[in-house]
Amino acid sequence: MFISPAFAQAAAPAAPNAFVQLAPLIFIMVIFYFLLIRPQQQARKKHMEMVGNVRRGDKVVTAGGIHGKVTKVLDGDEVMVEIAEDVAVKVAKSTLSNVLSKSEPAANDQ
């Protein structure tokens, strides 16, 4: 009954290490990088390479699902795609989702 309050109190817990507190956050960031960010960057790089290498005669599919044949590569970010006989549309290169067949490079191809 005559125990002093100082003896009844528990010892103050030691301050946790700052690295131990940040380790889970760092671990989660590394996991996000390797599972989400890096694959997206690689897919983007592959798509940009595919779009950059498109040339006349390639059969392509646009993001809207239109199948056609590249008739002319225009300056900048556009190509002319023939979707039917005597029907050509101008589309942005970035909307090309797939190149179905590559053509052989022509001597006067741009």
PDB file of N, CA and C in Angstrom:
ATOM      1  N   MET A   1       0.796  -1.195   0.000  1.00  0.00           N
ATOM      2  CA  MET A   1       0.000   0.000   0.000  1.00  0.00           C
ATOM      3  C   MET A   1       0.838   1.259   0.000  1.00  0.00           C
ATOM      4  N   PHE A   2       1.974   1.161   0.562  1.00  0.00           N
ATOM      5  CA  PHE A   2       2.813   2.338   0.633  1.00  0.00           C
ATOM      6  C   PHE A   2       3.860   2.338  -0.480  1.00  0.00           C
ATOM      7  N   ILE A   3       3.450   1.818  -1.651  1.00  0.00           N
ATOM      8  CA  ILE A   3       4.383   1.772  -2.765  1.00  0.00           C
ATOM      9  C   ILE A   3       4.426   3.140  -3.417  1.00  0.00           C
ATOM     10  N   SER A   4       5.570   3.582  -3.664  1.00  0.00           N
ATOM     11  CA  SER A   4       5.762   4.885  -4.263  1.00  0.00           C
ATOM     12  C   SER A   4       5.281   4.859  -5.718  1.00  0.00           C
ATOM     13  N   PRO A   5       4.643   5.936  -6.222  1.00  0.00           N
ATOM     14  CA  PRO A   5       4.182   5.973  -7.611  1.00  0.00           C
ATOM     15  C   PRO A   5       5.325   5.798  -8.608  1.00  0.00           C
ATOM     16  N   ALA A   6       6.531   6.150  -8.239  1.00  0.00           N
ATOM     17  CA  ALA A   6       7.656   6.023  -9.161  1.00  0.00           C
ATOM     18  C   ALA A   6       7.947   4.562  -9.456  1.00  0.00           C
ATOM     19  N   PHE A   7       7.756   3.687  -8.479  1.00  0.00           N
ATOM     20  CA  PHE A   7       8.006   2.272  -8.698  1.00  0.00           C
ATOM     21  C   PHE A   7       6.867   1.609  -9.465  1.00  0.00           C
ATOM     22  N   ALA A   8       5.667   2.162  -9.421  1.00  0.00           N
ATOM     23  CA  ALA A   8       4.507   1.565 -10.064  1.00  0.00           C
ATOM     24  C   ALA A   8       4.459   1.854 -11.561  1.00  0.00           C
ATOM     25  N   GLN A   9       5.153   2.880 -11.990  1.00  0.00           N
ATOM     26  CA  GLN A   9       5.119   3.231 -13.404  1.00  0.00           C
ATOM     27  C   GLN A   9       6.062   2.332 -14.200  1.00  0.00           C
ATOM     28  N   ALA A  10       5.638   2.030 -15.414  1.00  0.00           N
ATOM     29  CA  ALA A  10       6.481   1.232 -16.292  1.00  0.00           C
ATOM     30  C   ALA A  10       7.569   2.111 -16.890  1.00  0.00           C
ATOM     31  N   ALA A  11       8.620   1.494 -17.318  1.00  0.00           N
ATOM     32  CA  ALA A  11       9.706   2.248 -17.928  1.00  0.00           C
ATOM     33  C   ALA A  11       9.236   2.801 -19.275  1.00  0.00           C
ATOM     34  N   ALA A  12       9.695   3.967 -19.618  1.00  0.00           N
ATOM     35  CA  ALA A  12       9.314   4.603 -20.882  1.00  0.00           C
ATOM     36  C   ALA A  12       9.875   3.767 -22.033  1.00  0.00           C
ATOM     37  N   PRO A  13       9.045   3.490 -23.070  1.00  0.00           N
ATOM     38  CA  PRO A  13       9.547   2.692 -24.192  1.00  0.00           C
ATOM     39  C   PRO A  13      10.608   3.472 -24.964  1.00  0.00           C
ATOM     40  N   ALA A  14      11.569   2.746 -25.474  1.00  0.00           N
ATOM     41  CA  ALA A  14      12.633   3.381 -26.253  1.00  0.00           C
ATOM     42  C   ALA A  14      12.065   3.856 -27.581  1.00  0.00           C
ATOM     43  N   ALA A  15      12.571   4.956 -28.080  1.00  0.00           N
ATOM     44  CA  ALA A  15      12.115   5.503 -29.363  1.00  0.00           C
ATOM     45  C   ALA A  15      12.510   4.537 -30.479  1.00  0.00           C
ATOM     46  N   PRO A  16      11.558   4.149 -31.340  1.00  0.00           N
ATOM     47  CA  PRO A  16      11.894   3.215 -32.425  1.00  0.00           C
ATOM     48  C   PRO A  16      12.843   3.868 -33.434  1.00  0.00           C
ATOM     49  N   ASN A  17      13.620   3.038 -34.077  1.00  0.00           N
ATOM     50  CA  ASN A  17      14.581   3.493 -35.078  1.00  0.00           C
ATOM     51  C   ASN A  17      13.818   4.086 -36.278  1.00  0.00           C
ATOM     52  N   ALA A  18      14.308   5.176 -36.818  1.00  0.00           N
ATOM     53  CA  ALA A  18      13.637   5.839 -37.943  1.00  0.00           C
ATOM     54  C   ALA A  18      13.612   4.924 -39.171  1.00  0.00           C
ATOM     55  N   PHE A  19      14.685   4.157 -39.404  1.00  0.00           N
ATOM     56  CA  PHE A  19      14.712   3.240 -40.544  1.00  0.00           C
ATOM     57  C   PHE A  19      13.653   2.154 -40.408  1.00  0.00           C
ATOM     58  N   VAL A  20      13.457   1.666 -39.207  1.00  0.00           N
ATOM     59  CA  VAL A  20      12.460   0.617 -38.980  1.00  0.00           C
ATOM     60  C   VAL A  20      11.057   1.151 -39.287  1.00  0.00           C
ATOM     61  N   GLN A  21      10.819   2.405 -38.994  1.00  0.00           N
ATOM     62  CA  GLN A  21       9.518   2.998 -39.291  1.00  0.00           C
ATOM     63  C   GLN A  21       9.330   3.223 -40.786  1.00  0.00           C
ATOM     64  N   LEU A  22      10.386   3.568 -41.505  1.00  0.00           N
ATOM     65  CA  LEU A  22      10.281   3.863 -42.929  1.00  0.00           C
ATOM     66  C   LEU A  22      10.430   2.626 -43.812  1.00  0.00           C
ATOM     67  N   ALA A  23      10.932   1.533 -43.275  1.00  0.00           N
ATOM     68  CA  ALA A  23      11.173   0.329 -44.073  1.00  0.00           C
ATOM     69  C   ALA A  23       9.913  -0.179 -44.777  1.00  0.00           C
ATOM     70  N   PRO A  24       8.756  -0.284 -44.137  1.00  0.00           N
ATOM     71  CA  PRO A  24       7.564  -0.751 -44.868  1.00  0.00           C
ATOM     72  C   PRO A  24       7.171   0.182 -46.019  1.00  0.00           C
ATOM     73  N   LEU A  25       7.297   1.475 -45.814  1.00  0.00           N
ATOM     74  CA  LEU A  25       6.962   2.429 -46.867  1.00  0.00           C
ATOM     75  C   LEU A  25       7.921   2.285 -48.052  1.00  0.00           C
ATOM     76  N   ILE A  26       9.196   2.146 -47.761  1.00  0.00           N
ATOM     77  CA  ILE A  26      10.186   1.960 -48.821  1.00  0.00           C
ATOM     78  C   ILE A  26       9.921   0.654 -49.555  1.00  0.00           C
ATOM     79  N   PHE A  27       9.612  -0.394 -48.825  1.00  0.00           N
ATOM     80  CA  PHE A  27       9.316  -1.695 -49.424  1.00  0.00           C
ATOM     81  C   PHE A  27       8.108  -1.607 -50.360  1.00  0.00           C
ATOM     82  N   ILE A  28       7.073  -0.911 -49.951  1.00  0.00           N
ATOM     83  CA  ILE A  28       5.870  -0.749 -50.780  1.00  0.00           C
ATOM     84  C   ILE A  28       6.199   0.042 -52.046  1.00  0.00           C
ATOM     85  N   MET A  29       7.024   1.078 -51.935  1.00  0.00           N
ATOM     86  CA  MET A  29       7.403   1.878 -53.106  1.00  0.00           C
ATOM     87  C   MET A  29       8.194   1.032 -54.107  1.00  0.00           C
ATOM     88  N   VAL A  30       9.092   0.181 -53.611  1.00  0.00           N
ATOM     89  CA  VAL A  30       9.874  -0.689 -54.495  1.00  0.00           C
ATOM     90  C   VAL A  30       8.958  -1.672 -55.207  1.00  0.00           C
ATOM     91  N   ILE A  31       8.015  -2.250 -54.490  1.00  0.00           N
ATOM     92  CA  ILE A  31       7.062  -3.183 -55.085  1.00  0.00           C
ATOM     93  C   ILE A  31       6.232  -2.475 -56.157  1.00  0.00           C
ATOM     94  N   PHE A  32       5.737  -1.266 -55.882  1.00  0.00           N
ATOM     95  CA  PHE A  32       4.962  -0.503 -56.865  1.00  0.00           C
ATOM     96  C   PHE A  32       5.794  -0.217 -58.105  1.00  0.00           C
ATOM     97  N   TYR A  33       7.078   0.116 -57.908  1.00  0.00           N
ATOM     98  CA  TYR A  33       7.925   0.415 -59.053  1.00  0.00           C
ATOM     99  C   TYR A  33       8.059  -0.804 -59.959  1.00  0.00           C
ATOM    100  N   PHE A  34       8.375  -1.965 -59.378  1.00  0.00           N
ATOM    101  CA  PHE A  34       8.633  -3.148 -60.196  1.00  0.00           C
ATOM    102  C   PHE A  34       7.360  -3.802 -60.727  1.00  0.00           C
ATOM    103  N   LEU A  35       6.231  -3.636 -60.066  1.00  0.00           N
ATOM    104  CA  LEU A  35       5.005  -4.278 -60.529  1.00  0.00           C
ATOM    105  C   LEU A  35       4.101  -3.362 -61.349  1.00  0.00           C
ATOM    106  N   LEU A  36       4.214  -2.064 -61.185  1.00  0.00           N
ATOM    107  CA  LEU A  36       3.314  -1.145 -61.891  1.00  0.00           C
ATOM    108  C   LEU A  36       4.027  -0.148 -62.803  1.00  0.00           C
ATOM    109  N   ILE A  37       4.971   0.571 -62.267  1.00  0.00           N
ATOM    110  CA  ILE A  37       5.567   1.681 -63.004  1.00  0.00           C
ATOM    111  C   ILE A  37       6.505   1.189 -64.107  1.00  0.00           C
ATOM    112  N   ARG A  38       7.433   0.303 -63.787  1.00  0.00           N
ATOM    113  CA  ARG A  38       8.413  -0.164 -64.768  1.00  0.00           C
ATOM    114  C   ARG A  38       7.772  -0.888 -65.950  1.00  0.00           C
ATOM    115  N   PRO A  39       6.812  -1.812 -65.733  1.00  0.00           N
ATOM    116  CA  PRO A  39       6.180  -2.445 -66.896  1.00  0.00           C
ATOM    117  C   PRO A  39       5.442  -1.451 -67.792  1.00  0.00           C
ATOM    118  N   GLN A  40       4.820  -0.434 -67.199  1.00  0.00           N
ATOM    119  CA  GLN A  40       4.138   0.583 -68.002  1.00  0.00           C
ATOM    120  C   GLN A  40       5.137   1.371 -68.844  1.00  0.00           C
ATOM    121  N   GLN A  41       6.290   1.700 -68.270  1.00  0.00           N
ATOM    122  CA  GLN A  41       7.315   2.427 -69.014  1.00  0.00           C
ATOM    123  C   GLN A  41       7.843   1.585 -70.175  1.00  0.00           C
ATOM    124  N   GLN A  42       8.046   0.291 -69.943  1.00  0.00           N
ATOM    125  CA  GLN A  42       8.533  -0.579 -71.004  1.00  0.00           C
ATOM    126  C   GLN A  42       7.502  -0.739 -72.112  1.00  0.00           C
ATOM    127  N   ALA A  43       6.229  -0.881 -71.742  1.00  0.00           N
ATOM    128  CA  ALA A  43       5.176  -0.996 -72.755  1.00  0.00           C
ATOM    129  C   ALA A  43       5.071   0.295 -73.563  1.00  0.00           C
ATOM    130  N   ARG A  44       5.172   1.428 -72.905  1.00  0.00           N
ATOM    131  CA  ARG A  44       5.116   2.720 -73.593  1.00  0.00           C
ATOM    132  C   ARG A  44       6.285   2.863 -74.574  1.00  0.00           C
ATOM    133  N   LYS A  45       7.474   2.464 -74.127  1.00  0.00           N
ATOM    134  CA  LYS A  45       8.661   2.545 -74.980  1.00  0.00           C
ATOM    135  C   LYS A  45       8.502   1.636 -76.198  1.00  0.00           C
ATOM    136  N   LYS A  46       7.986   0.436 -75.998  1.00  0.00           N
ATOM    137  CA  LYS A  46       7.776  -0.508 -77.097  1.00  0.00           C
ATOM    138  C   LYS A  46       6.750   0.055 -78.093  1.00  0.00           C
ATOM    139  N   HIS A  47       5.664   0.662 -77.582  1.00  0.00           N
ATOM    140  CA  HIS A  47       4.640   1.246 -78.455  1.00  0.00           C
ATOM    141  C   HIS A  47       5.206   2.410 -79.254  1.00  0.00           C
ATOM    142  N   MET A  48       5.986   3.268 -78.608  1.00  0.00           N
ATOM    143  CA  MET A  48       6.567   4.415 -79.309  1.00  0.00           C
ATOM    144  C   MET A  48       7.545   3.949 -80.394  1.00  0.00           C
ATOM    145  N   GLU A  49       8.279   2.868 -80.129  1.00  0.00           N
ATOM    146  CA  GLU A  49       9.188   2.324 -81.139  1.00  0.00           C
ATOM    147  C   GLU A  49       8.402   1.758 -82.322  1.00  0.00           C
ATOM    148  N   MET A  50       7.294   1.052 -82.024  1.00  0.00           N
ATOM    149  CA  MET A  50       6.456   0.484 -83.076  1.00  0.00           C
ATOM    150  C   MET A  50       5.861   1.598 -83.936  1.00  0.00           C
ATOM    151  N   VAL A  51       5.364   2.636 -83.302  1.00  0.00           N
ATOM    152  CA  VAL A  51       4.756   3.754 -84.023  1.00  0.00           C
ATOM    153  C   VAL A  51       5.812   4.498 -84.837  1.00  0.00           C
ATOM    154  N   GLY A  52       7.002   4.642 -84.295  1.00  0.00           N
ATOM    155  CA  GLY A  52       8.065   5.340 -85.013  1.00  0.00           C
ATOM    156  C   GLY A  52       8.549   4.586 -86.246  1.00  0.00           C
ATOM    157  N   ASN A  53       8.408   3.263 -86.253  1.00  0.00           N
ATOM    158  CA  ASN A  53       8.893   2.447 -87.363  1.00  0.00           C
ATOM    159  C   ASN A  53       7.821   2.117 -88.397  1.00  0.00           C
ATOM    160  N   VAL A  54       6.621   2.664 -88.260  1.00  0.00           N
ATOM    161  CA  VAL A  54       5.563   2.373 -89.231  1.00  0.00           C
ATOM    162  C   VAL A  54       5.926   3.040 -90.561  1.00  0.00           C
ATOM    163  N   ARG A  55       5.684   2.309 -91.647  1.00  0.00           N
ATOM    164  CA  ARG A  55       5.989   2.861 -92.982  1.00  0.00           C
ATOM    165  C   ARG A  55       4.892   2.463 -93.957  1.00  0.00           C
ATOM    166  N   ARG A  56       4.991   3.021 -95.129  1.00  0.00           N
ATOM    167  CA  ARG A  56       3.988   2.785 -96.165  1.00  0.00           C
ATOM    168  C   ARG A  56       3.895   1.292 -96.467  1.00  0.00           C
ATOM    169  N   GLY A  57       2.672   0.801 -96.583  1.00  0.00           N
ATOM    170  CA  GLY A  57       2.437  -0.605 -96.896  1.00  0.00           C
ATOM    171  C   GLY A  57       2.160  -1.462 -95.678  1.00  0.00           C
ATOM    172  N   ASP A  58       2.401  -0.961 -94.475  1.00  0.00           N
ATOM    173  CA  ASP A  58       2.132  -1.731 -93.264  1.00  0.00           C
ATOM    174  C   ASP A  58       0.623  -1.839 -93.039  1.00  0.00           C
ATOM    175  N   LYS A  59       0.177  -3.004 -92.603  1.00  0.00           N
ATOM    176  CA  LYS A  59      -1.216  -3.176 -92.224  1.00  0.00           C
ATOM    177  C   LYS A  59      -1.303  -2.915 -90.732  1.00  0.00           C
ATOM    178  N   VAL A  60      -2.230  -2.011 -90.358  1.00  0.00           N
ATOM    179  CA  VAL A  60      -2.316  -1.552 -88.967  1.00  0.00           C
ATOM    180  C   VAL A  60      -3.735  -1.651 -88.436  1.00  0.00           C
ATOM    181  N   VAL A  61      -3.832  -1.572 -87.115  1.00  0.00           N
ATOM    182  CA  VAL A  61      -5.117  -1.492 -86.422  1.00  0.00           C
ATOM    183  C   VAL A  61      -5.062  -0.243 -85.553  1.00  0.00           C
ATOM    184  N   THR A  62      -6.096   0.592 -85.643  1.00  0.00           N
ATOM    185  CA  THR A  62      -6.137   1.791 -84.817  1.00  0.00           C
ATOM    186  C   THR A  62      -6.760   1.453 -83.469  1.00  0.00           C
ATOM    187  N   ALA A  63      -6.685   2.405 -82.551  1.00  0.00           N
ATOM    188  CA  ALA A  63      -7.256   2.205 -81.221  1.00  0.00           C
ATOM    189  C   ALA A  63      -8.774   2.040 -81.291  1.00  0.00           C
ATOM    190  N   GLY A  64      -9.394   2.552 -82.331  1.00  0.00           N
ATOM    191  CA  GLY A  64     -10.836   2.405 -82.510  1.00  0.00           C
ATOM    192  C   GLY A  64     -11.232   1.092 -83.154  1.00  0.00           C
ATOM    193  N   GLY A  65     -10.241   0.276 -83.535  1.00  0.00           N
ATOM    194  CA  GLY A  65     -10.523  -1.024 -84.118  1.00  0.00           C
ATOM    195  C   GLY A  65     -10.596  -1.026 -85.630  1.00  0.00           C
ATOM    196  N   ILE A  66     -10.199   0.054 -86.253  1.00  0.00           N
ATOM    197  CA  ILE A  66     -10.243   0.134 -87.712  1.00  0.00           C
ATOM    198  C   ILE A  66      -8.985  -0.510 -88.282  1.00  0.00           C
ATOM    199  N   HIS A  67      -9.180  -1.473 -89.173  1.00  0.00           N
ATOM    200  CA  HIS A  67      -8.067  -2.131 -89.856  1.00  0.00           C
ATOM    201  C   HIS A  67      -7.829  -1.421 -91.176  1.00  0.00           C
ATOM    202  N   GLY A  68      -6.575  -1.220 -91.501  1.00  0.00           N
ATOM    203  CA  GLY A  68      -6.272  -0.563 -92.764  1.00  0.00           C
ATOM    204  C   GLY A  68      -4.822  -0.727 -93.144  1.00  0.00           C
ATOM    205  N   LYS A  69      -4.478  -0.108 -94.266  1.00  0.00           N
ATOM    206  CA  LYS A  69      -3.129  -0.180 -94.800  1.00  0.00           C
ATOM    207  C   LYS A  69      -2.578   1.238 -94.891  1.00  0.00           C
ATOM    208  N   VAL A  70      -1.366   1.432 -94.394  1.00  0.00           N
ATOM    209  CA  VAL A  70      -0.745   2.763 -94.418  1.00  0.00           C
ATOM    210  C   VAL A  70      -0.381   3.094 -95.861  1.00  0.00           C
ATOM    211  N   THR A  71      -0.929   4.203 -96.357  1.00  0.00           N
ATOM    212  CA  THR A  71      -0.628   4.619 -97.725  1.00  0.00           C
ATOM    213  C   THR A  71       0.425   5.714 -97.770  1.00  0.00           C
ATOM    214  N   LYS A  72       0.523   6.492 -96.684  1.00  0.00           N
ATOM    215  CA  LYS A  72       1.487   7.585 -96.672  1.00  0.00           C
ATOM    216  C   LYS A  72       1.796   7.944 -95.227  1.00  0.00           C
ATOM    217  N   VAL A  73       3.076   8.137 -94.952  1.00  0.00           N
ATOM    218  CA  VAL A  73       3.491   8.617 -93.635  1.00  0.00           C
ATOM    219  C   VAL A  73       3.701  10.121 -93.771  1.00  0.00           C
ATOM    220  N   LEU A  74       2.885  10.883 -93.086  1.00  0.00           N
ATOM    221  CA  LEU A  74       2.950  12.342 -93.169  1.00  0.00           C
ATOM    222  C   LEU A  74       3.958  12.884 -92.173  1.00  0.00           C
ATOM    223  N   ASP A  75       4.359  14.132 -92.380  1.00  0.00           N
ATOM    224  CA  ASP A  75       5.269  14.770 -91.435  1.00  0.00           C
ATOM    225  C   ASP A  75       4.574  14.918 -90.091  1.00  0.00           C
ATOM    226  N   GLY A  76       5.341  14.842 -89.048  1.00  0.00           N
ATOM    227  CA  GLY A  76       4.779  14.994 -87.714  1.00  0.00           C
ATOM    228  C   GLY A  76       4.253  13.685 -87.180  1.00  0.00           C
ATOM    229  N   ASP A  77       3.051  13.724 -86.646  1.00  0.00           N
ATOM    230  CA  ASP A  77       2.501  12.581 -85.922  1.00  0.00           C
ATOM    231  C   ASP A  77       1.272  12.005 -86.623  1.00  0.00           C
ATOM    232  N   GLU A  78       1.261  12.003 -87.956  1.00  0.00           N
ATOM    233  CA  GLU A  78       0.083  11.535 -88.677  1.00  0.00           C
ATOM    234  C   GLU A  78       0.461  10.572 -89.794  1.00  0.00           C
ATOM    235  N   VAL A  79      -0.487   9.680 -90.117  1.00  0.00           N
ATOM    236  CA  VAL A  79      -0.337   8.767 -91.253  1.00  0.00           C
ATOM    237  C   VAL A  79      -1.671   8.696 -91.977  1.00  0.00           C
ATOM    238  N   MET A  80      -1.603   8.412 -93.266  1.00  0.00           N
ATOM    239  CA  MET A  80      -2.821   8.176 -94.049  1.00  0.00           C
ATOM    240  C   MET A  80      -3.039   6.667 -94.079  1.00  0.00           C
ATOM    241  N   VAL A  81      -4.233   6.236 -93.690  1.00  0.00           N
ATOM    242  CA  VAL A  81      -4.560   4.815 -93.646  1.00  0.00           C
ATOM    243  C   VAL A  81      -5.728   4.567 -94.592  1.00  0.00           C
ATOM    244  N   GLU A  82      -5.544   3.643 -95.521  1.00  0.00           N
ATOM    245  CA  GLU A  82      -6.615   3.275 -96.446  1.00  0.00           C
ATOM    246  C   GLU A  82      -7.434   2.175 -95.769  1.00  0.00           C
ATOM    247  N   ILE A  83      -8.728   2.488 -95.504  1.00  0.00           N
ATOM    248  CA  ILE A  83      -9.576   1.528 -94.803  1.00  0.00           C
ATOM    249  C   ILE A  83     -10.484   0.764 -95.760  1.00  0.00           C
ATOM    250  N   ALA A  84     -10.644   1.270 -96.967  1.00  0.00           N
ATOM    251  CA  ALA A  84     -11.409   0.596 -98.022  1.00  0.00           C
ATOM    252  C   ALA A  84     -10.851   1.100 -99.346  1.00  0.00           C
ATOM    253  N   GLU A  85     -11.303   0.506-100.409  1.00  0.00           N
ATOM    254  CA  GLU A  85     -10.809   0.925-101.714  1.00  0.00           C
ATOM    255  C   GLU A  85     -11.178   2.382-101.955  1.00  0.00           C
ATOM    256  N   ASP A  86     -10.177   3.202-102.224  1.00  0.00           N
ATOM    257  CA  ASP A  86     -10.320   4.645-102.462  1.00  0.00           C
ATOM    258  C   ASP A  86     -10.878   5.408-101.267  1.00  0.00           C
ATOM    259  N   VAL A  87     -10.749   4.866-100.070  1.00  0.00           N
ATOM    260  CA  VAL A  87     -11.163   5.568 -98.847  1.00  0.00           C
ATOM    261  C   VAL A  87      -9.966   5.589 -97.902  1.00  0.00           C
ATOM    262  N   ALA A  88      -9.418   6.779 -97.697  1.00  0.00           N
ATOM    263  CA  ALA A  88      -8.259   6.928 -96.819  1.00  0.00           C
ATOM    264  C   ALA A  88      -8.585   7.945 -95.735  1.00  0.00           C
ATOM    265  N   VAL A  89      -8.102   7.675 -94.550  1.00  0.00           N
ATOM    266  CA  VAL A  89      -8.307   8.594 -93.429  1.00  0.00           C
ATOM    267  C   VAL A  89      -6.946   8.962 -92.850  1.00  0.00           C
ATOM    268  N   LYS A  90      -6.899  10.170 -92.317  1.00  0.00           N
ATOM    269  CA  LYS A  90      -5.688  10.635 -91.670  1.00  0.00           C
ATOM    270  C   LYS A  90      -5.840  10.350 -90.173  1.00  0.00           C
ATOM    271  N   VAL A  91      -4.889   9.606 -89.603  1.00  0.00           N
ATOM    272  CA  VAL A  91      -4.952   9.273 -88.169  1.00  0.00           C
ATOM    273  C   VAL A  91      -3.633   9.654 -87.507  1.00  0.00           C
ATOM    274  N   ALA A  92      -3.716   9.907 -86.227  1.00  0.00           N
ATOM    275  CA  ALA A  92      -2.510  10.182 -85.452  1.00  0.00           C
ATOM    276  C   ALA A  92      -1.755   8.880 -85.225  1.00  0.00           C
ATOM    277  N   LYS A  93      -0.436   8.942 -85.297  1.00  0.00           N
ATOM    278  CA  LYS A  93       0.370   7.741 -85.099  1.00  0.00           C
ATOM    279  C   LYS A  93       0.144   7.129 -83.726  1.00  0.00           C
ATOM    280  N   SER A  94      -0.105   7.958 -82.742  1.00  0.00           N
ATOM    281  CA  SER A  94      -0.271   7.450 -81.379  1.00  0.00           C
ATOM    282  C   SER A  94      -1.527   6.600 -81.221  1.00  0.00           C
ATOM    283  N   THR A  95      -2.480   6.717 -82.167  1.00  0.00           N
ATOM    284  CA  THR A  95      -3.695   5.907 -82.076  1.00  0.00           C
ATOM    285  C   THR A  95      -3.532   4.538 -82.712  1.00  0.00           C
ATOM    286  N   LEU A  96      -2.383   4.274 -83.323  1.00  0.00           N
ATOM    287  CA  LEU A  96      -2.142   2.949 -83.882  1.00  0.00           C
ATOM    288  C   LEU A  96      -1.863   1.996 -82.725  1.00  0.00           C
ATOM    289  N   SER A  97      -2.690   0.964 -82.613  1.00  0.00           N
ATOM    290  CA  SER A  97      -2.512   0.044 -81.498  1.00  0.00           C
ATOM    291  C   SER A  97      -1.713  -1.186 -81.870  1.00  0.00           C
ATOM    292  N   ASN A  98      -1.648  -1.527 -83.155  1.00  0.00           N
ATOM    293  CA  ASN A  98      -0.933  -2.724 -83.559  1.00  0.00           C
ATOM    294  C   ASN A  98      -0.529  -2.631 -85.025  1.00  0.00           C
ATOM    295  N   VAL A  99       0.616  -3.178 -85.347  1.00  0.00           N
ATOM    296  CA  VAL A  99       1.052  -3.313 -86.734  1.00  0.00           C
ATOM    297  C   VAL A  99       0.959  -4.798 -87.050  1.00  0.00           C
ATOM    298  N   LEU A 100       0.012  -5.148 -87.932  1.00  0.00           N
ATOM    299  CA  LEU A 100      -0.252  -6.555 -88.225  1.00  0.00           C
ATOM    300  C   LEU A 100       0.812  -7.173 -89.112  1.00  0.00           C
ATOM    301  N   SER A 101       1.235  -6.496 -90.146  1.00  0.00           N
ATOM    302  CA  SER A 101       2.275  -7.027 -91.022  1.00  0.00           C
ATOM    303  C   SER A 101       3.155  -5.886 -91.485  1.00  0.00           C
ATOM    304  N   LYS A 102       4.432  -6.161 -91.454  1.00  0.00           N
ATOM    305  CA  LYS A 102       5.396  -5.155 -91.883  1.00  0.00           C
ATOM    306  C   LYS A 102       5.670  -5.323 -93.366  1.00  0.00           C
ATOM    307  N   SER A 103       5.827  -4.201 -94.042  1.00  0.00           N
ATOM    308  CA  SER A 103       6.150  -4.244 -95.471  1.00  0.00           C
ATOM    309  C   SER A 103       7.665  -4.173 -95.629  1.00  0.00           C
ATOM    310  N   GLU A 104       8.109  -4.543 -96.806  1.00  0.00           N
ATOM    311  CA  GLU A 104       9.533  -4.419 -97.128  1.00  0.00           C
ATOM    312  C   GLU A 104       9.812  -2.964 -97.428  1.00  0.00           C
ATOM    313  N   PRO A 105      10.938  -2.435 -96.962  1.00  0.00           N
ATOM    314  CA  PRO A 105      11.247  -1.017 -97.232  1.00  0.00           C
ATOM    315  C   PRO A 105      11.458  -0.785 -98.722  1.00  0.00           C
ATOM    316  N   ALA A 106      10.816   0.248 -99.236  1.00  0.00           N
ATOM    317  CA  ALA A 106      10.957   0.615-100.641  1.00  0.00           C
ATOM    318  C   ALA A 106      12.109   1.596-100.786  1.00  0.00           C
ATOM    319  N   ALA A 107      12.621   1.705-101.990  1.00  0.00           N
ATOM    320  CA  ALA A 107      13.769   2.588-102.238  1.00  0.00           C
ATOM    321  C   ALA A 107      13.396   4.044-102.045  1.00  0.00           C
ATOM    322  N   ASN A 108      12.178   4.432-102.434  1.00  0.00           N
ATOM    323  CA  ASN A 108      11.758   5.822-102.317  1.00  0.00           C
ATOM    324  C   ASN A 108      10.792   6.031-101.163  1.00  0.00           C
ATOM    325  N   ASP A 109      10.761   5.118-100.187  1.00  0.00           N
ATOM    326  CA  ASP A 109       9.846   5.208 -99.047  1.00  0.00           C
ATOM    327  C   ASP A 109      10.323   6.308 -98.087  1.00  0.00           C
ATOM    328  N   GLN A 110       9.382   7.007 -97.500  1.00  0.00           N
ATOM    329  CA  GLN A 110       9.752   8.054 -96.542  1.00  0.00           C
ATOM    330  C   GLN A 110       9.866   7.472 -95.183  1.00  0.00           C
TER     331      GLN A 110
END
